[in-house]
Amino acid sequence: MAQSGDTVEIPATGERFVVLRTSAQTGGELLELEFHVNPSGSGSSPAGCW
C-alpha cells in the first residue's frame, strides 16, 4: 500500500510520481499525487492515445 512520500520513478521516460495523500488519509475521498515529467519531452505516448 502506498504511503505519503513514496516515490515511483520511470527511468526510461524520466517521469516521477510522488504520493502526497492516500485514500486512507482522506477517508476514501482521493489519492493525491505529484506527477513530474521530463522537460525535454523524451517520454513516449501510449499507443493509440492520439
N, C-alpha and C. Protein backbone atom coordinates (compact mmCIF):
# COMPACT_ATOMS: atom_id res chain seq x y z
N MET A 1 0.84 -1.17 0.00
CA MET A 1 0.00 0.00 0.00
C MET A 1 0.89 1.24 0.00
N ALA A 2 0.54 2.19 -0.83
CA ALA A 2 1.31 3.43 -0.92
C ALA A 2 1.16 4.26 0.35
N GLN A 3 2.22 4.97 0.67
CA GLN A 3 2.23 5.87 1.84
C GLN A 3 2.64 7.26 1.37
N SER A 4 2.26 8.27 2.09
CA SER A 4 2.69 9.64 1.78
C SER A 4 4.22 9.67 1.71
N GLY A 5 4.72 10.34 0.68
CA GLY A 5 6.16 10.46 0.50
C GLY A 5 6.76 9.39 -0.40
N ASP A 6 6.00 8.31 -0.68
CA ASP A 6 6.50 7.29 -1.60
C ASP A 6 6.73 7.90 -2.97
N THR A 7 7.77 7.45 -3.66
CA THR A 7 8.11 7.94 -4.99
C THR A 7 8.26 6.76 -5.94
N VAL A 8 7.68 6.90 -7.12
CA VAL A 8 7.83 5.91 -8.19
C VAL A 8 8.50 6.62 -9.35
N GLU A 9 9.63 6.09 -9.79
CA GLU A 9 10.35 6.70 -10.92
C GLU A 9 10.36 5.75 -12.10
N ILE A 10 10.22 6.32 -13.31
CA ILE A 10 10.28 5.55 -14.55
C ILE A 10 11.49 6.07 -15.32
N PRO A 11 12.64 5.40 -15.16
CA PRO A 11 13.88 5.90 -15.77
C PRO A 11 13.82 6.04 -17.29
N ALA A 12 13.09 5.17 -17.96
CA ALA A 12 13.04 5.20 -19.42
C ALA A 12 12.44 6.50 -19.95
N THR A 13 11.53 7.12 -19.19
CA THR A 13 10.87 8.33 -19.66
C THR A 13 11.21 9.56 -18.82
N GLY A 14 11.87 9.35 -17.68
CA GLY A 14 12.19 10.46 -16.79
C GLY A 14 11.02 10.93 -15.96
N GLU A 15 9.92 10.17 -15.95
CA GLU A 15 8.74 10.55 -15.18
C GLU A 15 8.91 10.10 -13.73
N ARG A 16 8.25 10.85 -12.84
CA ARG A 16 8.31 10.53 -11.41
C ARG A 16 6.98 10.90 -10.77
N PHE A 17 6.46 9.99 -9.95
CA PHE A 17 5.23 10.22 -9.20
C PHE A 17 5.59 10.29 -7.72
N VAL A 18 5.04 11.25 -7.00
CA VAL A 18 5.23 11.36 -5.56
C VAL A 18 3.85 11.33 -4.92
N VAL A 19 3.65 10.42 -3.97
CA VAL A 19 2.36 10.31 -3.27
C VAL A 19 2.31 11.41 -2.21
N LEU A 20 1.30 12.27 -2.30
CA LEU A 20 1.11 13.33 -1.33
C LEU A 20 0.13 12.92 -0.23
N ARG A 21 -1.03 12.41 -0.63
CA ARG A 21 -2.04 11.93 0.32
C ARG A 21 -2.68 10.67 -0.25
N THR A 22 -2.97 9.72 0.61
CA THR A 22 -3.59 8.47 0.18
C THR A 22 -5.08 8.48 0.49
N SER A 23 -5.80 7.54 -0.10
CA SER A 23 -7.24 7.43 0.19
C SER A 23 -7.47 7.11 1.67
N ALA A 24 -6.54 6.37 2.29
CA ALA A 24 -6.67 6.07 3.72
C ALA A 24 -6.60 7.35 4.56
N GLN A 25 -5.78 8.30 4.12
CA GLN A 25 -5.62 9.56 4.85
C GLN A 25 -6.78 10.52 4.63
N THR A 26 -7.50 10.35 3.52
CA THR A 26 -8.57 11.29 3.17
C THR A 26 -9.96 10.66 3.28
N GLY A 27 -10.06 9.54 4.01
CA GLY A 27 -11.36 8.90 4.18
C GLY A 27 -11.93 8.37 2.89
N GLY A 28 -11.07 7.96 1.97
CA GLY A 28 -11.53 7.40 0.70
C GLY A 28 -11.88 8.44 -0.35
N GLU A 29 -11.64 9.71 -0.05
CA GLU A 29 -12.02 10.79 -0.97
C GLU A 29 -11.11 10.89 -2.19
N LEU A 30 -9.79 10.71 -1.99
CA LEU A 30 -8.90 10.93 -3.13
C LEU A 30 -7.54 10.30 -2.90
N LEU A 31 -6.79 10.22 -3.97
CA LEU A 31 -5.37 9.90 -3.96
C LEU A 31 -4.69 11.10 -4.61
N GLU A 32 -3.85 11.79 -3.89
CA GLU A 32 -3.20 13.00 -4.41
C GLU A 32 -1.74 12.69 -4.75
N LEU A 33 -1.37 12.97 -5.99
CA LEU A 33 -0.03 12.71 -6.49
C LEU A 33 0.57 13.96 -7.10
N GLU A 34 1.89 14.05 -7.07
CA GLU A 34 2.62 14.99 -7.92
C GLU A 34 3.15 14.17 -9.08
N PHE A 35 3.01 14.66 -10.28
CA PHE A 35 3.48 13.97 -11.47
C PHE A 35 4.51 14.86 -12.14
N HIS A 36 5.75 14.39 -12.16
CA HIS A 36 6.85 15.15 -12.76
C HIS A 36 7.22 14.51 -14.10
N VAL A 37 7.30 15.33 -15.13
CA VAL A 37 7.67 14.83 -16.45
C VAL A 37 9.02 15.40 -16.86
N ASN A 38 9.65 14.74 -17.80
CA ASN A 38 10.94 15.16 -18.31
C ASN A 38 10.74 16.42 -19.16
N PRO A 39 11.38 17.52 -18.83
CA PRO A 39 11.18 18.76 -19.60
C PRO A 39 11.60 18.65 -21.06
N SER A 40 12.45 17.70 -21.40
CA SER A 40 12.85 17.55 -22.79
C SER A 40 11.78 16.85 -23.62
N GLY A 41 10.75 16.34 -22.96
CA GLY A 41 9.68 15.69 -23.68
C GLY A 41 10.06 14.38 -24.33
N SER A 42 11.07 13.70 -23.78
CA SER A 42 11.52 12.47 -24.42
C SER A 42 10.68 11.25 -24.05
N GLY A 43 9.70 11.43 -23.19
CA GLY A 43 8.81 10.31 -22.86
C GLY A 43 7.95 9.96 -24.05
N SER A 44 7.50 8.72 -24.10
CA SER A 44 6.66 8.30 -25.22
C SER A 44 5.20 8.30 -24.83
N SER A 45 4.32 8.51 -25.78
CA SER A 45 2.88 8.46 -25.56
C SER A 45 2.40 7.02 -25.66
N PRO A 46 1.36 6.67 -24.88
CA PRO A 46 0.81 5.33 -25.01
C PRO A 46 0.28 5.09 -26.42
N ALA A 47 0.41 3.88 -26.92
CA ALA A 47 -0.06 3.54 -28.27
C ALA A 47 -1.56 3.76 -28.37
N GLY A 48 -1.99 4.35 -29.44
CA GLY A 48 -3.42 4.57 -29.70
C GLY A 48 -4.00 5.74 -28.94
N CYS A 49 -3.19 6.49 -28.25
CA CYS A 49 -3.70 7.61 -27.46
C CYS A 49 -4.09 8.77 -28.34
N TRP A 50 -3.39 8.97 -29.43
CA TRP A 50 -3.69 10.11 -30.31
C TRP A 50 -4.21 9.62 -31.57
